[in-house]
Amino acid sequence: MKNILMVIFVLCLTATAQATEVAVVDFRAALLQSNIGQEAAKEPKQKVAAMDARLKKEQEDLEASAQNLKRDELTLSEEEFKKRRQQLGERQNQVRALAANMQRQAKELEQQLIQSLTPKGEAALKSLIEERKLDLVLNRQLSLYANADADITDELVKRINKDN
């Protein structure tokens, strides 16, 4: 009985001692750093830059209106001051809503970009997994620690560039 337990223990130990090849990858970063990602990101970057410029102009106009109201505070009637302050508050709300909308649009543009590049990235990742005989690939952000040799993000970027 003792020998049977020992044999079972040794078999279990050898089964768990088999090496598991594990790697980590930042798939999103690999897609965006690749040549096709850089090329595809040009138009969304231009749209985001235009939205950002518009937002900055709106914020500057709002700041100028606030300064004008502060400057004119003592010369305005109480009713006129309240009316302009209310208009300023409404305009601040509009600018906040505009900023939130632009941020949402920027995220949507990035998601669309990632979705359009994902099939090519997945194909490159699959070939890399087969080539290196990896048993497990984890998202780099989910791992607490990974050896630098375990990170295959740069290899994935090179593979995506090579395949296209």
Protein backbone atom coordinates (compact mmCIF):
# COMPACT_ATOMS: atom_id res chain seq x y z
CA MET A 1 0.00 0.00 0.00
CA LYS A 2 2.85 2.34 0.86
CA ASN A 3 4.53 1.63 -2.49
CA ILE A 4 1.31 2.26 -4.42
CA LEU A 5 0.88 5.63 -2.71
CA MET A 6 4.48 6.50 -3.49
CA VAL A 7 4.02 5.58 -7.17
CA ILE A 8 0.84 7.68 -7.40
CA PHE A 9 2.60 10.59 -5.71
CA VAL A 10 5.56 10.38 -8.12
CA LEU A 11 3.22 10.19 -11.13
CA CYS A 12 1.31 13.25 -9.94
CA LEU A 13 4.55 15.10 -9.30
CA THR A 14 5.92 14.37 -12.76
CA ALA A 15 2.65 15.37 -14.39
CA THR A 16 2.74 18.77 -12.70
CA ALA A 17 6.46 19.19 -13.35
CA GLN A 18 5.97 19.40 -17.11
CA ALA A 19 7.03 22.80 -18.36
CA THR A 20 4.29 25.17 -19.37
CA GLU A 21 5.28 27.84 -21.84
CA VAL A 22 3.64 31.09 -20.78
CA ALA A 23 3.89 34.50 -22.40
CA VAL A 24 2.30 37.90 -21.90
CA VAL A 25 1.29 40.36 -24.58
CA ASP A 26 -0.23 43.83 -24.79
CA PHE A 27 -2.40 43.12 -27.82
CA ARG A 28 -3.84 46.63 -28.08
CA ALA A 29 -0.40 48.25 -27.96
CA ALA A 30 0.94 45.80 -30.54
CA LEU A 31 -1.89 46.66 -32.93
CA LEU A 32 -1.42 50.40 -32.50
CA GLN A 33 2.39 50.23 -32.78
CA SER A 34 2.35 48.16 -35.96
CA ASN A 35 2.75 49.82 -39.35
CA ILE A 36 -0.87 49.11 -40.29
CA GLY A 37 -1.97 50.48 -36.93
CA GLN A 38 0.03 53.65 -37.37
CA GLU A 39 -1.38 54.15 -40.86
CA ALA A 40 -4.97 53.42 -39.82
CA ALA A 41 -4.68 55.75 -36.81
CA LYS A 42 -3.85 58.85 -38.87
CA GLU A 43 -7.45 59.80 -39.69
CA PRO A 44 -8.82 59.18 -36.15
CA LYS A 45 -5.92 61.20 -34.71
CA GLN A 46 -6.79 64.10 -37.02
CA LYS A 47 -10.44 63.94 -35.95
CA VAL A 48 -9.48 63.88 -32.27
CA ALA A 49 -7.07 66.79 -32.78
CA ALA A 50 -9.84 68.82 -34.49
CA MET A 51 -12.26 68.03 -31.64
CA ASP A 52 -9.60 69.00 -29.10
CA ALA A 53 -8.94 72.31 -30.85
CA ARG A 54 -12.67 73.08 -30.90
CA LEU A 55 -12.97 72.25 -27.20
CA LYS A 56 -10.02 74.49 -26.32
CA LYS A 57 -11.56 77.37 -28.28
CA GLU A 58 -14.89 76.88 -26.47
CA GLN A 59 -13.10 76.82 -23.11
CA GLU A 60 -11.16 79.99 -23.97
CA ASP A 61 -14.40 81.74 -25.00
CA LEU A 62 -16.03 80.61 -21.77
CA GLU A 63 -13.10 81.89 -19.73
CA ALA A 64 -13.26 85.24 -21.53
CA SER A 65 -17.00 85.48 -20.80
CA ALA A 66 -16.35 84.72 -17.13
CA GLN A 67 -13.66 87.42 -17.00
CA ASN A 68 -15.98 89.92 -18.68
CA LEU A 69 -18.75 89.14 -16.21
CA LYS A 70 -16.36 89.55 -13.29
CA ARG A 71 -15.11 92.86 -14.71
CA ASP A 72 -18.65 94.19 -15.29
CA GLU A 73 -20.11 92.88 -12.01
CA LEU A 74 -20.16 96.23 -10.24
CA THR A 75 -21.57 98.18 -13.17
CA LEU A 76 -24.43 95.81 -14.03
CA SER A 77 -27.84 95.90 -12.45
CA GLU A 78 -28.62 92.96 -10.18
CA GLU A 79 -31.07 91.49 -12.69
CA GLU A 80 -28.66 91.80 -15.61
CA PHE A 81 -25.84 90.27 -13.53
CA LYS A 82 -28.02 87.29 -12.55
CA LYS A 83 -29.10 86.85 -16.15
CA ARG A 84 -25.51 86.85 -17.46
CA ARG A 85 -24.36 84.56 -14.64
CA GLN A 86 -27.14 82.13 -15.52
CA GLN A 87 -26.13 82.26 -19.20
CA LEU A 88 -22.54 81.63 -18.19
CA GLY A 89 -23.60 78.61 -16.11
CA GLU A 90 -25.59 77.22 -19.03
CA ARG A 91 -22.61 77.71 -21.32
CA GLN A 92 -20.35 75.93 -18.81
CA ASN A 93 -22.74 72.99 -18.83
CA GLN A 94 -22.72 72.96 -22.63
CA VAL A 95 -18.92 72.94 -22.70
CA ARG A 96 -18.82 70.08 -20.15
CA ALA A 97 -21.31 68.12 -22.25
CA LEU A 98 -19.27 68.85 -25.37
CA ALA A 99 -16.10 67.60 -23.65
CA ALA A 100 -17.83 64.41 -22.50
CA ASN A 101 -19.25 63.84 -25.99
CA MET A 102 -15.86 64.36 -27.60
CA GLN A 103 -14.23 61.96 -25.15
CA ARG A 104 -16.88 59.34 -25.97
CA GLN A 105 -16.33 59.87 -29.70
CA ALA A 106 -12.57 59.50 -29.29
CA LYS A 107 -13.04 56.19 -27.44
CA GLU A 108 -15.40 54.97 -30.16
CA LEU A 109 -12.88 55.86 -32.87
CA GLU A 110 -10.19 53.92 -31.01
CA GLN A 111 -12.48 50.92 -30.52
CA GLN A 112 -13.38 50.92 -34.22
CA LEU A 113 -9.69 51.07 -35.09
CA ILE A 114 -8.85 48.17 -32.77
CA GLN A 115 -11.76 46.11 -34.13
CA SER A 116 -10.64 46.65 -37.71
CA LEU A 117 -7.06 45.59 -36.91
CA THR A 118 -7.91 42.66 -34.62
CA PRO A 119 -8.22 39.93 -37.30
CA LYS A 120 -4.72 40.64 -38.63
CA GLY A 121 -3.33 40.82 -35.10
CA GLU A 122 -5.00 37.58 -34.10
CA ALA A 123 -3.59 35.79 -37.16
CA ALA A 124 -0.09 37.05 -36.35
CA LEU A 125 -0.49 36.07 -32.69
CA LYS A 126 -1.70 32.60 -33.62
CA SER A 127 1.32 32.00 -35.85
CA LEU A 128 3.62 33.29 -33.09
CA ILE A 129 1.99 30.95 -30.56
CA GLU A 130 2.44 27.99 -32.89
CA GLU A 131 6.04 28.92 -33.69
CA ARG A 132 7.06 29.31 -30.04
CA LYS A 133 4.83 26.41 -28.89
CA LEU A 134 3.19 28.51 -26.20
CA ASP A 135 0.69 26.87 -23.87
CA LEU A 136 -0.73 30.09 -22.41
CA VAL A 137 -0.73 33.75 -23.44
CA LEU A 138 -1.98 36.33 -20.94
CA ASN A 139 -2.84 39.99 -21.29
CA ARG A 140 0.13 41.92 -19.89
CA GLN A 141 -2.14 44.16 -17.80
CA LEU A 142 -3.57 41.12 -16.01
CA SER A 143 -0.24 39.70 -14.89
CA LEU A 144 1.32 40.76 -11.61
CA TYR A 145 4.80 39.82 -12.71
CA ALA A 146 6.27 38.59 -15.95
CA ASN A 147 9.88 38.09 -16.89
CA ALA A 148 10.98 40.37 -19.74
CA ASP A 149 11.58 37.29 -21.89
CA ALA A 150 7.93 36.31 -21.43
CA ASP A 151 6.64 39.54 -23.05
CA ILE A 152 6.02 38.90 -26.74
CA THR A 153 4.48 42.29 -27.60
CA ASP A 154 7.47 43.47 -29.65
CA GLU A 155 7.62 40.13 -31.47
CA LEU A 156 3.92 40.47 -32.27
CA VAL A 157 4.46 43.97 -33.71
CA LYS A 158 7.26 42.62 -35.92
CA ARG A 159 5.10 39.70 -37.02
CA ILE A 160 2.17 41.98 -37.90
CA ASN A 161 4.51 44.23 -39.88
CA LYS A 162 6.05 41.24 -41.66
CA ASP A 163 2.68 39.73 -42.59
CA ASN A 164 1.46 42.98 -44.19
